[in-house]
């Protein structure tokens, strides 16, 4: 009587425990496999992002060097422009005054030519 009950309880307990352990082992194995795959994926992701970051940093360095060179060229061009500006900008003489001066210049040159050619001044 009593021994059979204890034996059957033990057998049931052992079966439940083995079943529970098998389920837990299966869950653990699945978790470990998933974790390994996830870790590999994230490691690859880190490698790609690190490489991309290095490429972007190199590109940034090149762009900054280009910007620096272009800025120097612009500064030099602006300095040259500032040097040239006074000789190019209107010196305060109006267009009409310049035209009148040119006309006087042309007339005096024509008169000098006539004198040199010995033409009559009358």
PDB file of N, CA and C in Angstrom:
ATOM      1  N   UNK A   1       0.737  -1.191   0.000  1.00  0.00           N
ATOM      2  CA  UNK A   1       0.000   0.000   0.000  1.00  0.00           C
ATOM      3  C   UNK A   1       0.783   1.266   0.000  1.00  0.00           C
ATOM      4  N   UNK A   2       1.372   1.560   1.139  1.00  0.00           N
ATOM      5  CA  UNK A   2       2.000   2.859   1.334  1.00  0.00           C
ATOM      6  C   UNK A   2       3.216   2.995   0.429  1.00  0.00           C
ATOM      7  N   UNK A   3       3.988   1.937   0.306  1.00  0.00           N
ATOM      8  CA  UNK A   3       5.188   1.941  -0.521  1.00  0.00           C
ATOM      9  C   UNK A   3       4.835   2.180  -1.987  1.00  0.00           C
ATOM     10  N   UNK A   4       3.773   1.575  -2.489  1.00  0.00           N
ATOM     11  CA  UNK A   4       3.356   1.773  -3.883  1.00  0.00           C
ATOM     12  C   UNK A   4       2.945   3.217  -4.134  1.00  0.00           C
ATOM     13  N   UNK A   5       2.260   3.828  -3.149  1.00  0.00           N
ATOM     14  CA  UNK A   5       1.827   5.224  -3.283  1.00  0.00           C
ATOM     15  C   UNK A   5       3.056   6.123  -3.347  1.00  0.00           C
ATOM     16  N   UNK A   6       4.016   5.857  -2.448  1.00  0.00           N
ATOM     17  CA  UNK A   6       5.244   6.663  -2.426  1.00  0.00           C
ATOM     18  C   UNK A   6       5.994   6.480  -3.740  1.00  0.00           C
ATOM     19  N   UNK A   7       6.080   5.220  -4.216  1.00  0.00           N
ATOM     20  CA  UNK A   7       6.769   4.940  -5.462  1.00  0.00           C
ATOM     21  C   UNK A   7       6.084   5.625  -6.633  1.00  0.00           C
ATOM     22  N   UNK A   8       4.783   5.618  -6.692  1.00  0.00           N
ATOM     23  CA  UNK A   8       4.060   6.256  -7.802  1.00  0.00           C
ATOM     24  C   UNK A   8       4.209   7.768  -7.724  1.00  0.00           C
ATOM     25  N   UNK A   9       4.165   8.333  -6.479  1.00  0.00           N
ATOM     26  CA  UNK A   9       4.378   9.782  -6.324  1.00  0.00           C
ATOM     27  C   UNK A   9       5.786  10.162  -6.793  1.00  0.00           C
ATOM     28  N   UNK A  10       6.767   9.321  -6.424  1.00  0.00           N
ATOM     29  CA  UNK A  10       8.141   9.597  -6.820  1.00  0.00           C
ATOM     30  C   UNK A  10       8.286   9.533  -8.342  1.00  0.00           C
ATOM     31  N   UNK A  11       7.679   8.542  -8.959  1.00  0.00           N
ATOM     32  CA  UNK A  11       7.752   8.363 -10.417  1.00  0.00           C
ATOM     33  C   UNK A  11       7.116   9.561 -11.115  1.00  0.00           C
ATOM     34  N   UNK A  12       5.955  10.012 -10.584  1.00  0.00           N
ATOM     35  CA  UNK A  12       5.274  11.155 -11.170  1.00  0.00           C
ATOM     36  C   UNK A  12       6.128  12.412 -11.004  1.00  0.00           C
ATOM     37  N   UNK A  13       6.683  12.615  -9.805  1.00  0.00           N
ATOM     38  CA  UNK A  13       7.537  13.763  -9.516  1.00  0.00           C
ATOM     39  C   UNK A  13       8.771  13.754 -10.415  1.00  0.00           C
ATOM     40  N   UNK A  14       9.357  12.550 -10.584  1.00  0.00           N
ATOM     41  CA  UNK A  14      10.538  12.420 -11.443  1.00  0.00           C
ATOM     42  C   UNK A  14      10.179  12.748 -12.890  1.00  0.00           C
ATOM     43  N   UNK A  15       9.039  12.264 -13.370  1.00  0.00           N
ATOM     44  CA  UNK A  15       8.600  12.531 -14.745  1.00  0.00           C
ATOM     45  C   UNK A  15       8.334  14.027 -14.926  1.00  0.00           C
ATOM     46  N   UNK A  16       7.647  14.648 -13.965  1.00  0.00           N
ATOM     47  CA  UNK A  16       7.371  16.095 -14.044  1.00  0.00           C
ATOM     48  C   UNK A  16       8.682  16.894 -14.050  1.00  0.00           C
ATOM     49  N   UNK A  17       9.612  16.484 -13.190  1.00  0.00           N
ATOM     50  CA  UNK A  17      10.894  17.186 -13.093  1.00  0.00           C
ATOM     51  C   UNK A  17      11.674  17.047 -14.386  1.00  0.00           C
ATOM     52  N   UNK A  18      11.739  15.808 -14.938  1.00  0.00           N
ATOM     53  CA  UNK A  18      12.462  15.601 -16.197  1.00  0.00           C
ATOM     54  C   UNK A  18      11.819  16.416 -17.324  1.00  0.00           C
ATOM     55  N   UNK A  19      10.495  16.428 -17.352  1.00  0.00           N
ATOM     56  CA  UNK A  19       9.774  17.189 -18.378  1.00  0.00           C
ATOM     57  C   UNK A  19      10.067  18.684 -18.226  1.00  0.00           C
ATOM     58  N   UNK A  20      10.011  19.161 -16.987  1.00  0.00           N
ATOM     59  CA  UNK A  20      10.303  20.576 -16.721  1.00  0.00           C
ATOM     60  C   UNK A  20      11.733  20.929 -17.098  1.00  0.00           C
ATOM     61  N   UNK A  21      12.676  20.035 -16.767  1.00  0.00           N
ATOM     62  CA  UNK A  21      14.077  20.282 -17.107  1.00  0.00           C
ATOM     63  C   UNK A  21      14.282  20.283 -18.614  1.00  0.00           C
ATOM     64  N   UNK A  22      13.624  19.364 -19.312  1.00  0.00           N
ATOM     65  CA  UNK A  22      13.749  19.285 -20.781  1.00  0.00           C
ATOM     66  C   UNK A  22      13.203  20.564 -21.410  1.00  0.00           C
ATOM     67  N   UNK A  23      12.049  21.040 -20.899  1.00  0.00           N
ATOM     68  CA  UNK A  23      11.458  22.281 -21.410  1.00  0.00           C
ATOM     69  C   UNK A  23      12.388  23.458 -21.139  1.00  0.00           C
ATOM     70  N   UNK A  24      12.916  23.519 -19.912  1.00  0.00           N
ATOM     71  CA  UNK A  24      13.822  24.614 -19.548  1.00  0.00           C
ATOM     72  C   UNK A  24      15.090  24.561 -20.397  1.00  0.00           C
ATOM     73  N   UNK A  25      15.630  23.354 -20.624  1.00  0.00           N
ATOM     74  CA  UNK A  25      16.837  23.200 -21.449  1.00  0.00           C
ATOM     75  C   UNK A  25      16.563  23.664 -22.873  1.00  0.00           C
ATOM     76  N   UNK A  26      15.388  23.294 -23.398  1.00  0.00           N
ATOM     77  CA  UNK A  26      15.016  23.691 -24.761  1.00  0.00           C
ATOM     78  C   UNK A  26      14.914  25.220 -24.851  1.00  0.00           C
ATOM     79  N   UNK A  27      14.255  25.827 -23.863  1.00  0.00           N
ATOM     80  CA  UNK A  27      14.129  27.287 -23.839  1.00  0.00           C
ATOM     81  C   UNK A  27      15.501  27.944 -23.742  1.00  0.00           C
ATOM     82  N   UNK A  28      16.375  27.372 -22.900  1.00  0.00           N
ATOM     83  CA  UNK A  28      17.734  27.914 -22.733  1.00  0.00           C
ATOM     84  C   UNK A  28      18.500  27.825 -24.060  1.00  0.00           C
ATOM     85  N   UNK A  29      18.439  26.657 -24.710  1.00  0.00           N
ATOM     86  CA  UNK A  29      19.144  26.472 -25.985  1.00  0.00           C
ATOM     87  C   UNK A  29      18.628  27.458 -27.034  1.00  0.00           C
ATOM     88  N   UNK A  30      17.319  27.621 -27.106  1.00  0.00           N
ATOM     89  CA  UNK A  30      16.724  28.575 -28.058  1.00  0.00           C
ATOM     90  C   UNK A  30      17.197  29.990 -27.748  1.00  0.00           C
ATOM     91  N   UNK A  31      17.163  30.344 -26.453  1.00  0.00           N
ATOM     92  CA  UNK A  31      17.606  31.688 -26.040  1.00  0.00           C
ATOM     93  C   UNK A  31      19.075  31.912 -26.418  1.00  0.00           C
ATOM     94  N   UNK A  32      19.926  30.909 -26.147  1.00  0.00           N
ATOM     95  CA  UNK A  32      21.356  31.040 -26.440  1.00  0.00           C
ATOM     96  C   UNK A  32      21.588  31.161 -27.951  1.00  0.00           C
ATOM     97  N   UNK A  33      20.871  30.383 -28.749  1.00  0.00           N
ATOM     98  CA  UNK A  33      21.011  30.459 -30.212  1.00  0.00           C
ATOM     99  C   UNK A  33      20.587  31.841 -30.706  1.00  0.00           C
ATOM    100  N   UNK A  34      19.412  32.298 -30.236  1.00  0.00           N
ATOM    101  CA  UNK A  34      18.918  33.620 -30.622  1.00  0.00           C
ATOM    102  C   UNK A  34      19.912  34.713 -30.204  1.00  0.00           C
ATOM    103  N   UNK A  35      20.448  34.580 -28.995  1.00  0.00           N
ATOM    104  CA  UNK A  35      21.393  35.579 -28.484  1.00  0.00           C
ATOM    105  C   UNK A  35      22.660  35.599 -29.314  1.00  0.00           C
ATOM    106  N   UNK A  36      23.139  34.412 -29.697  1.00  0.00           N
ATOM    107  CA  UNK A  36      24.353  34.328 -30.501  1.00  0.00           C
ATOM    108  C   UNK A  36      24.139  35.004 -31.862  1.00  0.00           C
ATOM    109  N   UNK A  37      23.008  34.694 -32.487  1.00  0.00           N
ATOM    110  CA  UNK A  37      22.680  35.303 -33.792  1.00  0.00           C
ATOM    111  C   UNK A  37      22.558  36.812 -33.636  1.00  0.00           C
ATOM    112  N   UNK A  38      21.878  37.236 -32.583  1.00  0.00           N
ATOM    113  CA  UNK A  38      21.677  38.667 -32.330  1.00  0.00           C
ATOM    114  C   UNK A  38      23.022  39.361 -32.099  1.00  0.00           C
ATOM    115  N   UNK A  39      23.892  38.719 -31.335  1.00  0.00           N
ATOM    116  CA  UNK A  39      25.214  39.303 -31.049  1.00  0.00           C
ATOM    117  C   UNK A  39      26.031  39.427 -32.337  1.00  0.00           C
ATOM    118  N   UNK A  40      26.017  38.385 -33.167  1.00  0.00           N
ATOM    119  CA  UNK A  40      26.753  38.431 -34.435  1.00  0.00           C
ATOM    120  C   UNK A  40      26.221  39.560 -35.322  1.00  0.00           C
ATOM    121  N   UNK A  41      24.900  39.666 -35.367  1.00  0.00           N
ATOM    122  CA  UNK A  41      24.270  40.716 -36.167  1.00  0.00           C
ATOM    123  C   UNK A  41      24.693  42.095 -35.672  1.00  0.00           C
ATOM    124  N   UNK A  42      24.656  42.286 -34.366  1.00  0.00           N
ATOM    125  CA  UNK A  42      25.025  43.589 -33.801  1.00  0.00           C
ATOM    126  C   UNK A  42      26.509  43.879 -33.966  1.00  0.00           C
ATOM    127  N   UNK A  43      27.342  42.835 -33.887  1.00  0.00           N
ATOM    128  CA  UNK A  43      28.780  43.012 -34.093  1.00  0.00           C
ATOM    129  C   UNK A  43      29.046  43.471 -35.528  1.00  0.00           C
ATOM    130  N   UNK A  44      28.383  42.823 -36.501  1.00  0.00           N
ATOM    131  CA  UNK A  44      28.526  43.221 -37.908  1.00  0.00           C
ATOM    132  C   UNK A  44      28.049  44.664 -38.085  1.00  0.00           C
ATOM    133  N   UNK A  45      26.938  44.988 -37.440  1.00  0.00           N
ATOM    134  CA  UNK A  45      26.379  46.346 -37.517  1.00  0.00           C
ATOM    135  C   UNK A  45      27.394  47.366 -36.998  1.00  0.00           C
ATOM    136  N   UNK A  46      28.038  47.036 -35.878  1.00  0.00           N
ATOM    137  CA  UNK A  46      29.061  47.923 -35.300  1.00  0.00           C
ATOM    138  C   UNK A  46      30.206  48.092 -36.285  1.00  0.00           C
ATOM    139  N   UNK A  47      30.645  46.973 -36.902  1.00  0.00           N
ATOM    140  CA  UNK A  47      31.752  47.053 -37.867  1.00  0.00           C
ATOM    141  C   UNK A  47      31.380  47.958 -39.036  1.00  0.00           C
ATOM    142  N   UNK A  48      30.168  47.771 -39.578  1.00  0.00           N
ATOM    143  CA  UNK A  48      29.724  48.605 -40.712  1.00  0.00           C
ATOM    144  C   UNK A  48      29.643  50.073 -40.314  1.00  0.00           C
ATOM    145  N   UNK A  49      29.056  50.326 -39.151  1.00  0.00           N
ATOM    146  CA  UNK A  49      28.902  51.723 -38.714  1.00  0.00           C
ATOM    147  C   UNK A  49      30.256  52.360 -38.414  1.00  0.00           C
ATOM    148  N   UNK A  50      31.191  51.579 -37.866  1.00  0.00           N
ATOM    149  CA  UNK A  50      32.533  52.103 -37.595  1.00  0.00           C
ATOM    150  C   UNK A  50      33.229  52.462 -38.906  1.00  0.00           C
ATOM    151  N   UNK A  51      33.129  51.575 -39.893  1.00  0.00           N
ATOM    152  CA  UNK A  51      33.745  51.841 -41.202  1.00  0.00           C
ATOM    153  C   UNK A  51      33.106  53.070 -41.844  1.00  0.00           C
ATOM    154  N   UNK A  52      31.782  53.146 -41.754  1.00  0.00           N
ATOM    155  CA  UNK A  52      31.077  54.297 -42.334  1.00  0.00           C
ATOM    156  C   UNK A  52      31.501  55.590 -41.633  1.00  0.00           C
ATOM    157  N   UNK A  53      31.630  55.521 -40.320  1.00  0.00           N
ATOM    158  CA  UNK A  53      32.045  56.703 -39.555  1.00  0.00           C
ATOM    159  C   UNK A  53      33.432  57.156 -39.997  1.00  0.00           C
ATOM    160  N   UNK A  54      34.342  56.200 -40.178  1.00  0.00           N
ATOM    161  CA  UNK A  54      35.696  56.549 -40.625  1.00  0.00           C
ATOM    162  C   UNK A  54      35.656  57.191 -42.005  1.00  0.00           C
ATOM    163  N   UNK A  55      34.846  56.617 -42.911  1.00  0.00           N
ATOM    164  CA  UNK A  55      34.716  57.190 -44.260  1.00  0.00           C
ATOM    165  C   UNK A  55      34.177  58.605 -44.183  1.00  0.00           C
ATOM    166  N   UNK A  56      33.144  58.799 -43.364  1.00  0.00           N
ATOM    167  CA  UNK A  56      32.531  60.124 -43.236  1.00  0.00           C
ATOM    168  C   UNK A  56      33.515  61.123 -42.630  1.00  0.00           C
ATOM    169  N   UNK A  57      34.315  60.670 -41.652  1.00  0.00           N
ATOM    170  CA  UNK A  57      35.306  61.564 -41.046  1.00  0.00           C
ATOM    171  C   UNK A  57      36.371  61.959 -42.064  1.00  0.00           C
ATOM    172  N   UNK A  58      36.796  60.987 -42.899  1.00  0.00           N
ATOM    173  CA  UNK A  58      37.775  61.291 -43.949  1.00  0.00           C
ATOM    174  C   UNK A  58      37.179  62.294 -44.934  1.00  0.00           C
ATOM    175  N   UNK A  59      35.930  62.055 -45.337  1.00  0.00           N
ATOM    176  CA  UNK A  59      35.272  62.963 -46.280  1.00  0.00           C
ATOM    177  C   UNK A  59      35.162  64.363 -45.668  1.00  0.00           C
ATOM    178  N   UNK A  60      34.845  64.426 -44.386  1.00  0.00           N
ATOM    179  CA  UNK A  60      34.737  65.721 -43.702  1.00  0.00           C
ATOM    180  C   UNK A  60      36.086  66.439 -43.697  1.00  0.00           C
ATOM    181  N   UNK A  61      37.156  65.693 -43.429  1.00  0.00           N
ATOM    182  CA  UNK A  61      38.499  66.285 -43.421  1.00  0.00           C
ATOM    183  C   UNK A  61      38.825  66.859 -44.795  1.00  0.00           C
ATOM    184  N   UNK A  62      38.545  66.077 -45.848  1.00  0.00           N
ATOM    185  CA  UNK A  62      38.812  66.538 -47.219  1.00  0.00           C
ATOM    186  C   UNK A  62      37.984  67.787 -47.524  1.00  0.00           C
ATOM    187  N   UNK A  63      36.703  67.763 -47.149  1.00  0.00           N
ATOM    188  CA  UNK A  63      35.830  68.917 -47.412  1.00  0.00           C
ATOM    189  C   UNK A  63      36.327  70.155 -46.659  1.00  0.00           C
ATOM    190  N   UNK A  64      36.763  69.964 -45.422  1.00  0.00           N
ATOM    191  CA  UNK A  64      37.275  71.094 -44.644  1.00  0.00           C
ATOM    192  C   UNK A  64      38.541  71.661 -45.271  1.00  0.00           C
ATOM    193  N   UNK A  65      39.412  70.757 -45.791  1.00  0.00           N
ATOM    194  CA  UNK A  65      40.625  71.226 -46.465  1.00  0.00           C
ATOM    195  C   UNK A  65      40.258  71.995 -47.737  1.00  0.00           C
ATOM    196  N   UNK A  66      39.281  71.461 -48.496  1.00  0.00           N
ATOM    197  CA  UNK A  66      38.808  72.157 -49.699  1.00  0.00           C
ATOM    198  C   UNK A  66      38.261  73.529 -49.336  1.00  0.00           C
ATOM    199  N   UNK A  67      37.461  73.560 -48.276  1.00  0.00           N
ATOM    200  CA  UNK A  67      36.862  74.827 -47.832  1.00  0.00           C
ATOM    201  C   UNK A  67      37.956  75.815 -47.454  1.00  0.00           C
ATOM    202  N   UNK A  68      38.962  75.331 -46.739  1.00  0.00           N
ATOM    203  CA  UNK A  68      40.061  76.195 -46.311  1.00  0.00           C
ATOM    204  C   UNK A  68      40.794  76.773 -47.526  1.00  0.00           C
ATOM    205  N   UNK A  69      41.082  75.913 -48.513  1.00  0.00           N
ATOM    206  CA  UNK A  69      41.762  76.358 -49.732  1.00  0.00           C
ATOM    207  C   UNK A  69      40.926  77.365 -50.503  1.00  0.00           C
ATOM    208  N   UNK A  70      39.649  77.053 -50.641  1.00  0.00           N
ATOM    209  CA  UNK A  70      38.746  77.948 -51.366  1.00  0.00           C
ATOM    210  C   UNK A  70      38.612  79.275 -50.633  1.00  0.00           C
ATOM    211  N   UNK A  71      38.570  79.230 -49.308  1.00  0.00           N
ATOM    212  CA  UNK A  71      38.467  80.466 -48.524  1.00  0.00           C
ATOM    213  C   UNK A  71      39.710  81.322 -48.739  1.00  0.00           C
ATOM    214  N   UNK A  72      40.902  80.677 -48.784  1.00  0.00           N
ATOM    215  CA  UNK A  72      42.142  81.426 -49.026  1.00  0.00           C
ATOM    216  C   UNK A  72      42.103  82.073 -50.404  1.00  0.00           C
ATOM    217  N   UNK A  73      41.614  81.316 -51.413  1.00  0.00           N
ATOM    218  CA  UNK A  73      41.514  81.862 -52.764  1.00  0.00           C
ATOM    219  C   UNK A  73      40.554  83.053 -52.777  1.00  0.00           C
ATOM    220  N   UNK A  74      39.418  82.902 -52.095  1.00  0.00           N
ATOM    221  CA  UNK A  74      38.434  83.986 -52.031  1.00  0.00           C
ATOM    222  C   UNK A  74      39.036  85.206 -51.343  1.00  0.00           C
ATOM    223  N   UNK A  75      39.731  84.992 -50.230  1.00  0.00           N
ATOM    224  CA  UNK A  75      40.346  86.109 -49.512  1.00  0.00           C
ATOM    225  C   UNK A  75      41.351  86.833 -50.407  1.00  0.00           C
ATOM    226  N   UNK A  76      42.166  86.044 -51.149  1.00  0.00           N
ATOM    227  CA  UNK A  76      43.156  86.655 -52.045  1.00  0.00           C
ATOM    228  C   UNK A  76      42.458  87.445 -53.151  1.00  0.00           C
ATOM    229  N   UNK A  77      41.385  86.870 -53.724  1.00  0.00           N
ATOM    230  CA  UNK A  77      40.646  87.552 -54.788  1.00  0.00           C
ATOM    231  C   UNK A  77      40.008  88.838 -54.263  1.00  0.00           C
ATOM    232  N   UNK A  78      39.453  88.779 -53.063  1.00  0.00           N
ATOM    233  CA  UNK A  78      38.832  89.980 -52.481  1.00  0.00           C
ATOM    234  C   UNK A  78      39.877  91.058 -52.194  1.00  0.00           C
ATOM    235  N   UNK A  79      41.056  90.632 -51.727  1.00  0.00           N
ATOM    236  CA  UNK A  79      42.127  91.602 -51.459  1.00  0.00           C
ATOM    237  C   UNK A  79      42.558  92.256 -52.768  1.00  0.00           C
ATOM    238  N   UNK A  80      42.694  91.467 -53.831  1.00  0.00           N
ATOM    239  CA  UNK A  80      43.069  91.995 -55.142  1.00  0.00           C
ATOM    240  C   UNK A  80      41.984  92.937 -55.656  1.00  0.00           C
ATOM    241  N   UNK A  81      40.736  92.537 -55.481  1.00  0.00           N
ATOM    242  CA  UNK A  81      39.608  93.381 -55.896  1.00  0.00           C
ATOM    243  C   UNK A  81      39.647  94.720 -55.170  1.00  0.00           C
ATOM    244  N   UNK A  82      39.904  94.668 -53.854  1.00  0.00           N
ATOM    245  CA  UNK A  82      39.974  95.915 -53.074  1.00  0.00           C
ATOM    246  C   UNK A  82      41.121  96.799 -53.562  1.00  0.00           C
ATOM    247  N   UNK A  83      42.230  96.150 -54.015  1.00  0.00           N
ATOM    248  CA  UNK A  83      43.363  96.901 -54.532  1.00  0.00           C
ATOM    249  C   UNK A  83      43.010  97.551 -55.876  1.00  0.00           C
ATOM    250  N   UNK A  84      42.242  96.836 -56.700  1.00  0.00           N
ATOM    251  CA  UNK A  84      41.879  97.346 -58.028  1.00  0.00           C
ATOM    252  C   UNK A  84      40.743  98.353 -58.002  1.00  0.00           C
ATOM    253  N   UNK A  85      39.859  98.217 -57.040  1.00  0.00           N
ATOM    254  CA  UNK A  85      38.632  99.010 -57.013  1.00  0.00           C
ATOM    255  C   UNK A  85      38.866 100.519 -57.198  1.00  0.00           C
ATOM    256  N   UNK A  86      39.809 101.113 -56.482  1.00  0.00           N
ATOM    257  CA  UNK A  86      39.967 102.567 -56.619  1.00  0.00           C
ATOM    258  C   UNK A  86      40.250 103.006 -58.059  1.00  0.00           C
ATOM    259  N   UNK A  87      41.003 102.201 -58.810  1.00  0.00           N
ATOM    260  CA  UNK A  87      41.330 102.603 -60.184  1.00  0.00           C
ATOM    261  C   UNK A  87      40.161 102.365 -61.133  1.00  0.00           C
ATOM    262  N   UNK A  88      39.197 101.548 -60.726  1.00  0.00           N
ATOM    263  CA  UNK A  88      38.078 101.225 -61.608  1.00  0.00           C
ATOM    264  C   UNK A  88      36.821 102.029 -61.289  1.00  0.00           C
ATOM    265  N   UNK A  89      36.688 102.398 -60.051  1.00  0.00           N
ATOM    266  CA  UNK A  89      35.458 103.064 -59.621  1.00  0.00           C
ATOM    267  C   UNK A  89      35.484 104.523 -60.064  1.00  0.00           C
ATOM    268  N   UNK A  90      34.337 105.054 -60.353  1.00  0.00           N
ATOM    269  CA  UNK A  90      34.156 106.440 -60.771  1.00  0.00           C
ATOM    270  C   UNK A  90      34.919 107.370 -59.832  1.00  0.00           C
ATOM    271  N   UNK A  91      35.789 108.202 -60.407  1.00  0.00           N
ATOM    272  CA  UNK A  91      36.627 109.088 -59.598  1.00  0.00           C
ATOM    273  C   UNK A  91      35.905 110.402 -59.300  1.00  0.00           C
ATOM    274  N   UNK A  92      34.602 110.385 -59.308  1.00  0.00           N
ATOM    275  CA  UNK A  92      33.835 111.582 -58.985  1.00  0.00           C
ATOM    276  C   UNK A  92      33.575 112.456 -60.207  1.00  0.00           C
ATOM    277  N   UNK A  93      34.003 112.007 -61.395  1.00  0.00           N
ATOM    278  CA  UNK A  93      33.780 112.784 -62.621  1.00  0.00           C
ATOM    279  C   UNK A  93      32.553 112.205 -63.308  1.00  0.00           C
ATOM    280  N   UNK A  94      31.632 113.080 -63.689  1.00  0.00           N
ATOM    281  CA  UNK A  94      30.395 112.588 -64.300  1.00  0.00           C
ATOM    282  C   UNK A  94      30.650 112.144 -65.741  1.00  0.00           C
ATOM    283  N   UNK A  95      29.720 111.407 -66.274  1.00  0.00           N
ATOM    284  CA  UNK A  95      29.827 110.908 -67.649  1.00  0.00           C
ATOM    285  C   UNK A  95      29.916 112.078 -68.624  1.00  0.00           C
ATOM    286  N   UNK A  96      29.089 113.084 -68.414  1.00  0.00           N
ATOM    287  CA  UNK A  96      29.073 114.236 -69.310  1.00  0.00           C
ATOM    288  C   UNK A  96      30.437 114.936 -69.304  1.00  0.00           C
ATOM    289  N   UNK A  97      31.044 115.082 -68.114  1.00  0.00           N
ATOM    290  CA  UNK A  97      32.360 115.714 -68.020  1.00  0.00           C
ATOM    291  C   UNK A  97      33.406 114.906 -68.780  1.00  0.00           C
ATOM    292  N   UNK A  98      33.348 113.576 -68.662  1.00  0.00           N
ATOM    293  CA  UNK A  98      34.317 112.727 -69.361  1.00  0.00           C
ATOM    294  C   UNK A  98      34.131 112.852 -70.870  1.00  0.00           C
ATOM    295  N   UNK A  99      32.871 112.878 -71.331  1.00  0.00           N
ATOM    296  CA  UNK A  99      32.601 113.020 -72.769  1.00  0.00           C
ATOM    297  C   UNK A  99      33.140 114.356 -73.264  1.00  0.00           C
ATOM    298  N   UNK A 100      32.888 115.422 -72.517  1.00  0.00           N
ATOM    299  CA  UNK A 100      33.352 116.754 -72.912  1.00  0.00           C
ATOM    300  C   UNK A 100      34.883 116.777 -72.961  1.00  0.00           C
ATOM    301  N   UNK A 101      35.536 116.183 -71.989  1.00  0.00           N
ATOM    302  CA  UNK A 101      36.999 116.147 -71.963  1.00  0.00           C
ATOM    303  C   UNK A 101      37.556 115.390 -73.162  1.00  0.00           C
ATOM    304  N   UNK A 102      36.917 114.231 -73.472  1.00  0.00           N
ATOM    305  CA  UNK A 102      37.344 113.430 -74.629  1.00  0.00           C
ATOM    306  C   UNK A 102      37.175 114.235 -75.915  1.00  0.00           C
ATOM    307  N   UNK A 103      36.059 114.971 -76.012  1.00  0.00           N
ATOM    308  CA  UNK A 103      35.793 115.776 -77.217  1.00  0.00           C
ATOM    309  C   UNK A 103      36.875 116.851 -77.368  1.00  0.00           C
ATOM    310  N   UNK A 104      37.221 117.512 -76.260  1.00  0.00           N
ATOM    311  CA  UNK A 104      38.279 118.534 -76.290  1.00  0.00           C
ATOM    312  C   UNK A 104      39.608 117.905 -76.705  1.00  0.00           C
ATOM    313  N   UNK A 105      39.893 116.696 -76.154  1.00  0.00           N
ATOM    314  CA  UNK A 105      41.128 115.994 -76.489  1.00  0.00           C
ATOM    315  C   UNK A 105      41.196 115.703 -77.980  1.00  0.00           C
ATOM    316  N   UNK A 106      40.082 115.185 -78.522  1.00  0.00           N
ATOM    317  CA  UNK A 106      40.025 114.848 -79.945  1.00  0.00           C
ATOM    318  C   UNK A 106      40.217 116.113 -80.793  1.00  0.00           C
ATOM    319  N   UNK A 107      39.521 117.192 -80.411  1.00  0.00           N
ATOM    320  CA  UNK A 107      39.642 118.443 -81.175  1.00  0.00           C
ATOM    321  C   UNK A 107      41.068 118.967 -81.144  1.00  0.00           C
ATOM    322  N   UNK A 108      41.720 118.931 -79.970  1.00  0.00           N
ATOM    323  CA  UNK A 108      43.091 119.453 -79.897  1.00  0.00           C
ATOM    324  C   UNK A 108      44.043 118.567 -80.691  1.00  0.00           C
ATOM    325  N   UNK A 109      43.803 117.245 -80.704  1.00  0.00           N
ATOM    326  CA  UNK A 109      44.643 116.347 -81.503  1.00  0.00           C
ATOM    327  C   UNK A 109      44.444 116.605 -82.995  1.00  0.00           C
ATOM    328  N   UNK A 110      43.187 116.861 -83.390  1.00  0.00           N
ATOM    329  CA  UNK A 110      42.926 117.166 -84.804  1.00  0.00           C
ATOM    330  C   UNK A 110      43.607 118.477 -85.203  1.00  0.00           C
ATOM    331  N   UNK A 111      43.567 119.456 -84.293  1.00  0.00           N
ATOM    332  CA  UNK A 111      44.220 120.736 -84.564  1.00  0.00           C
ATOM    333  C   UNK A 111      45.725 120.549 -84.682  1.00  0.00           C
ATOM    334  N   UNK A 112      46.318 119.766 -83.804  1.00  0.00           N
ATOM    335  CA  UNK A 112      47.752 119.495 -83.866  1.00  0.00           C
ATOM    336  C   UNK A 112      48.101 118.815 -85.180  1.00  0.00           C
ATOM    337  N   UNK A 113      47.249 117.911 -85.644  1.00  0.00           N
ATOM    338  CA  UNK A 113      47.477 117.217 -86.914  1.00  0.00           C
ATOM    339  C   UNK A 113      47.450 118.205 -88.078  1.00  0.00           C
ATOM    340  N   UNK A 114      46.482 119.132 -88.022  1.00  0.00           N
ATOM    341  CA  UNK A 114      46.392 120.138 -89.100  1.00  0.00           C
ATOM    342  C   UNK A 114      47.649 120.999 -89.110  1.00  0.00           C
ATOM    343  N   UNK A 115      48.122 121.408 -87.931  1.00  0.00           N
ATOM    344  CA  UNK A 115      49.328 122.247 -87.854  1.00  0.00           C
ATOM    345  C   UNK A 115      50.521 121.475 -88.422  1.00  0.00           C
ATOM    346  N   UNK A 116      50.633 120.205 -88.029  1.00  0.00           N
ATOM    347  CA  UNK A 116      51.745 119.393 -88.518  1.00  0.00           C
ATOM    348  C   UNK A 116      51.673 119.186 -90.024  1.00  0.00           C
ATOM    349  N   UNK A 117      50.491 119.113 -90.550  1.00  0.00           N
ATOM    350  CA  UNK A 117      50.312 118.926 -91.997  1.00  0.00           C
ATOM    351  C   UNK A 117      50.451 120.239 -92.755  1.00  0.00           C
ATOM    352  N   UNK A 118      50.605 121.328 -92.016  1.00  0.00           N
ATOM    353  CA  UNK A 118      50.794 122.634 -92.619  1.00  0.00           C
ATOM    354  C   UNK A 118      49.532 123.195 -93.225  1.00  0.00           C
ATOM    355  N   UNK A 119      48.399 122.800 -92.716  1.00  0.00           N
ATOM    356  CA  UNK A 119      47.145 123.309 -93.249  1.00  0.00           C
ATOM    357  C   UNK A 119      46.896 124.713 -92.743  1.00  0.00           C
ATOM    358  N   UNK A 120      46.082 125.426 -93.458  1.00  0.00           N
ATOM    359  CA  UNK A 120      45.751 126.812 -93.117  1.00  0.00           C
ATOM    360  C   UNK A 120      44.944 126.845 -91.844  1.00  0.00           C
ATOM    361  N   UNK A 121      45.341 127.689 -90.912  1.00  0.00           N
ATOM    362  CA  UNK A 121      44.640 127.781 -89.640  1.00  0.00           C
ATOM    363  C   UNK A 121      43.471 128.734 -89.715  1.00  0.00           C
ATOM    364  N   UNK A 122      43.385 129.486 -90.792  1.00  0.00           N
ATOM    365  CA  UNK A 122      42.315 130.455 -90.913  1.00  0.00           C
ATOM    366  C   UNK A 122      41.103 129.734 -91.246  1.00  0.00           C
TER     367      UNK A 122
END
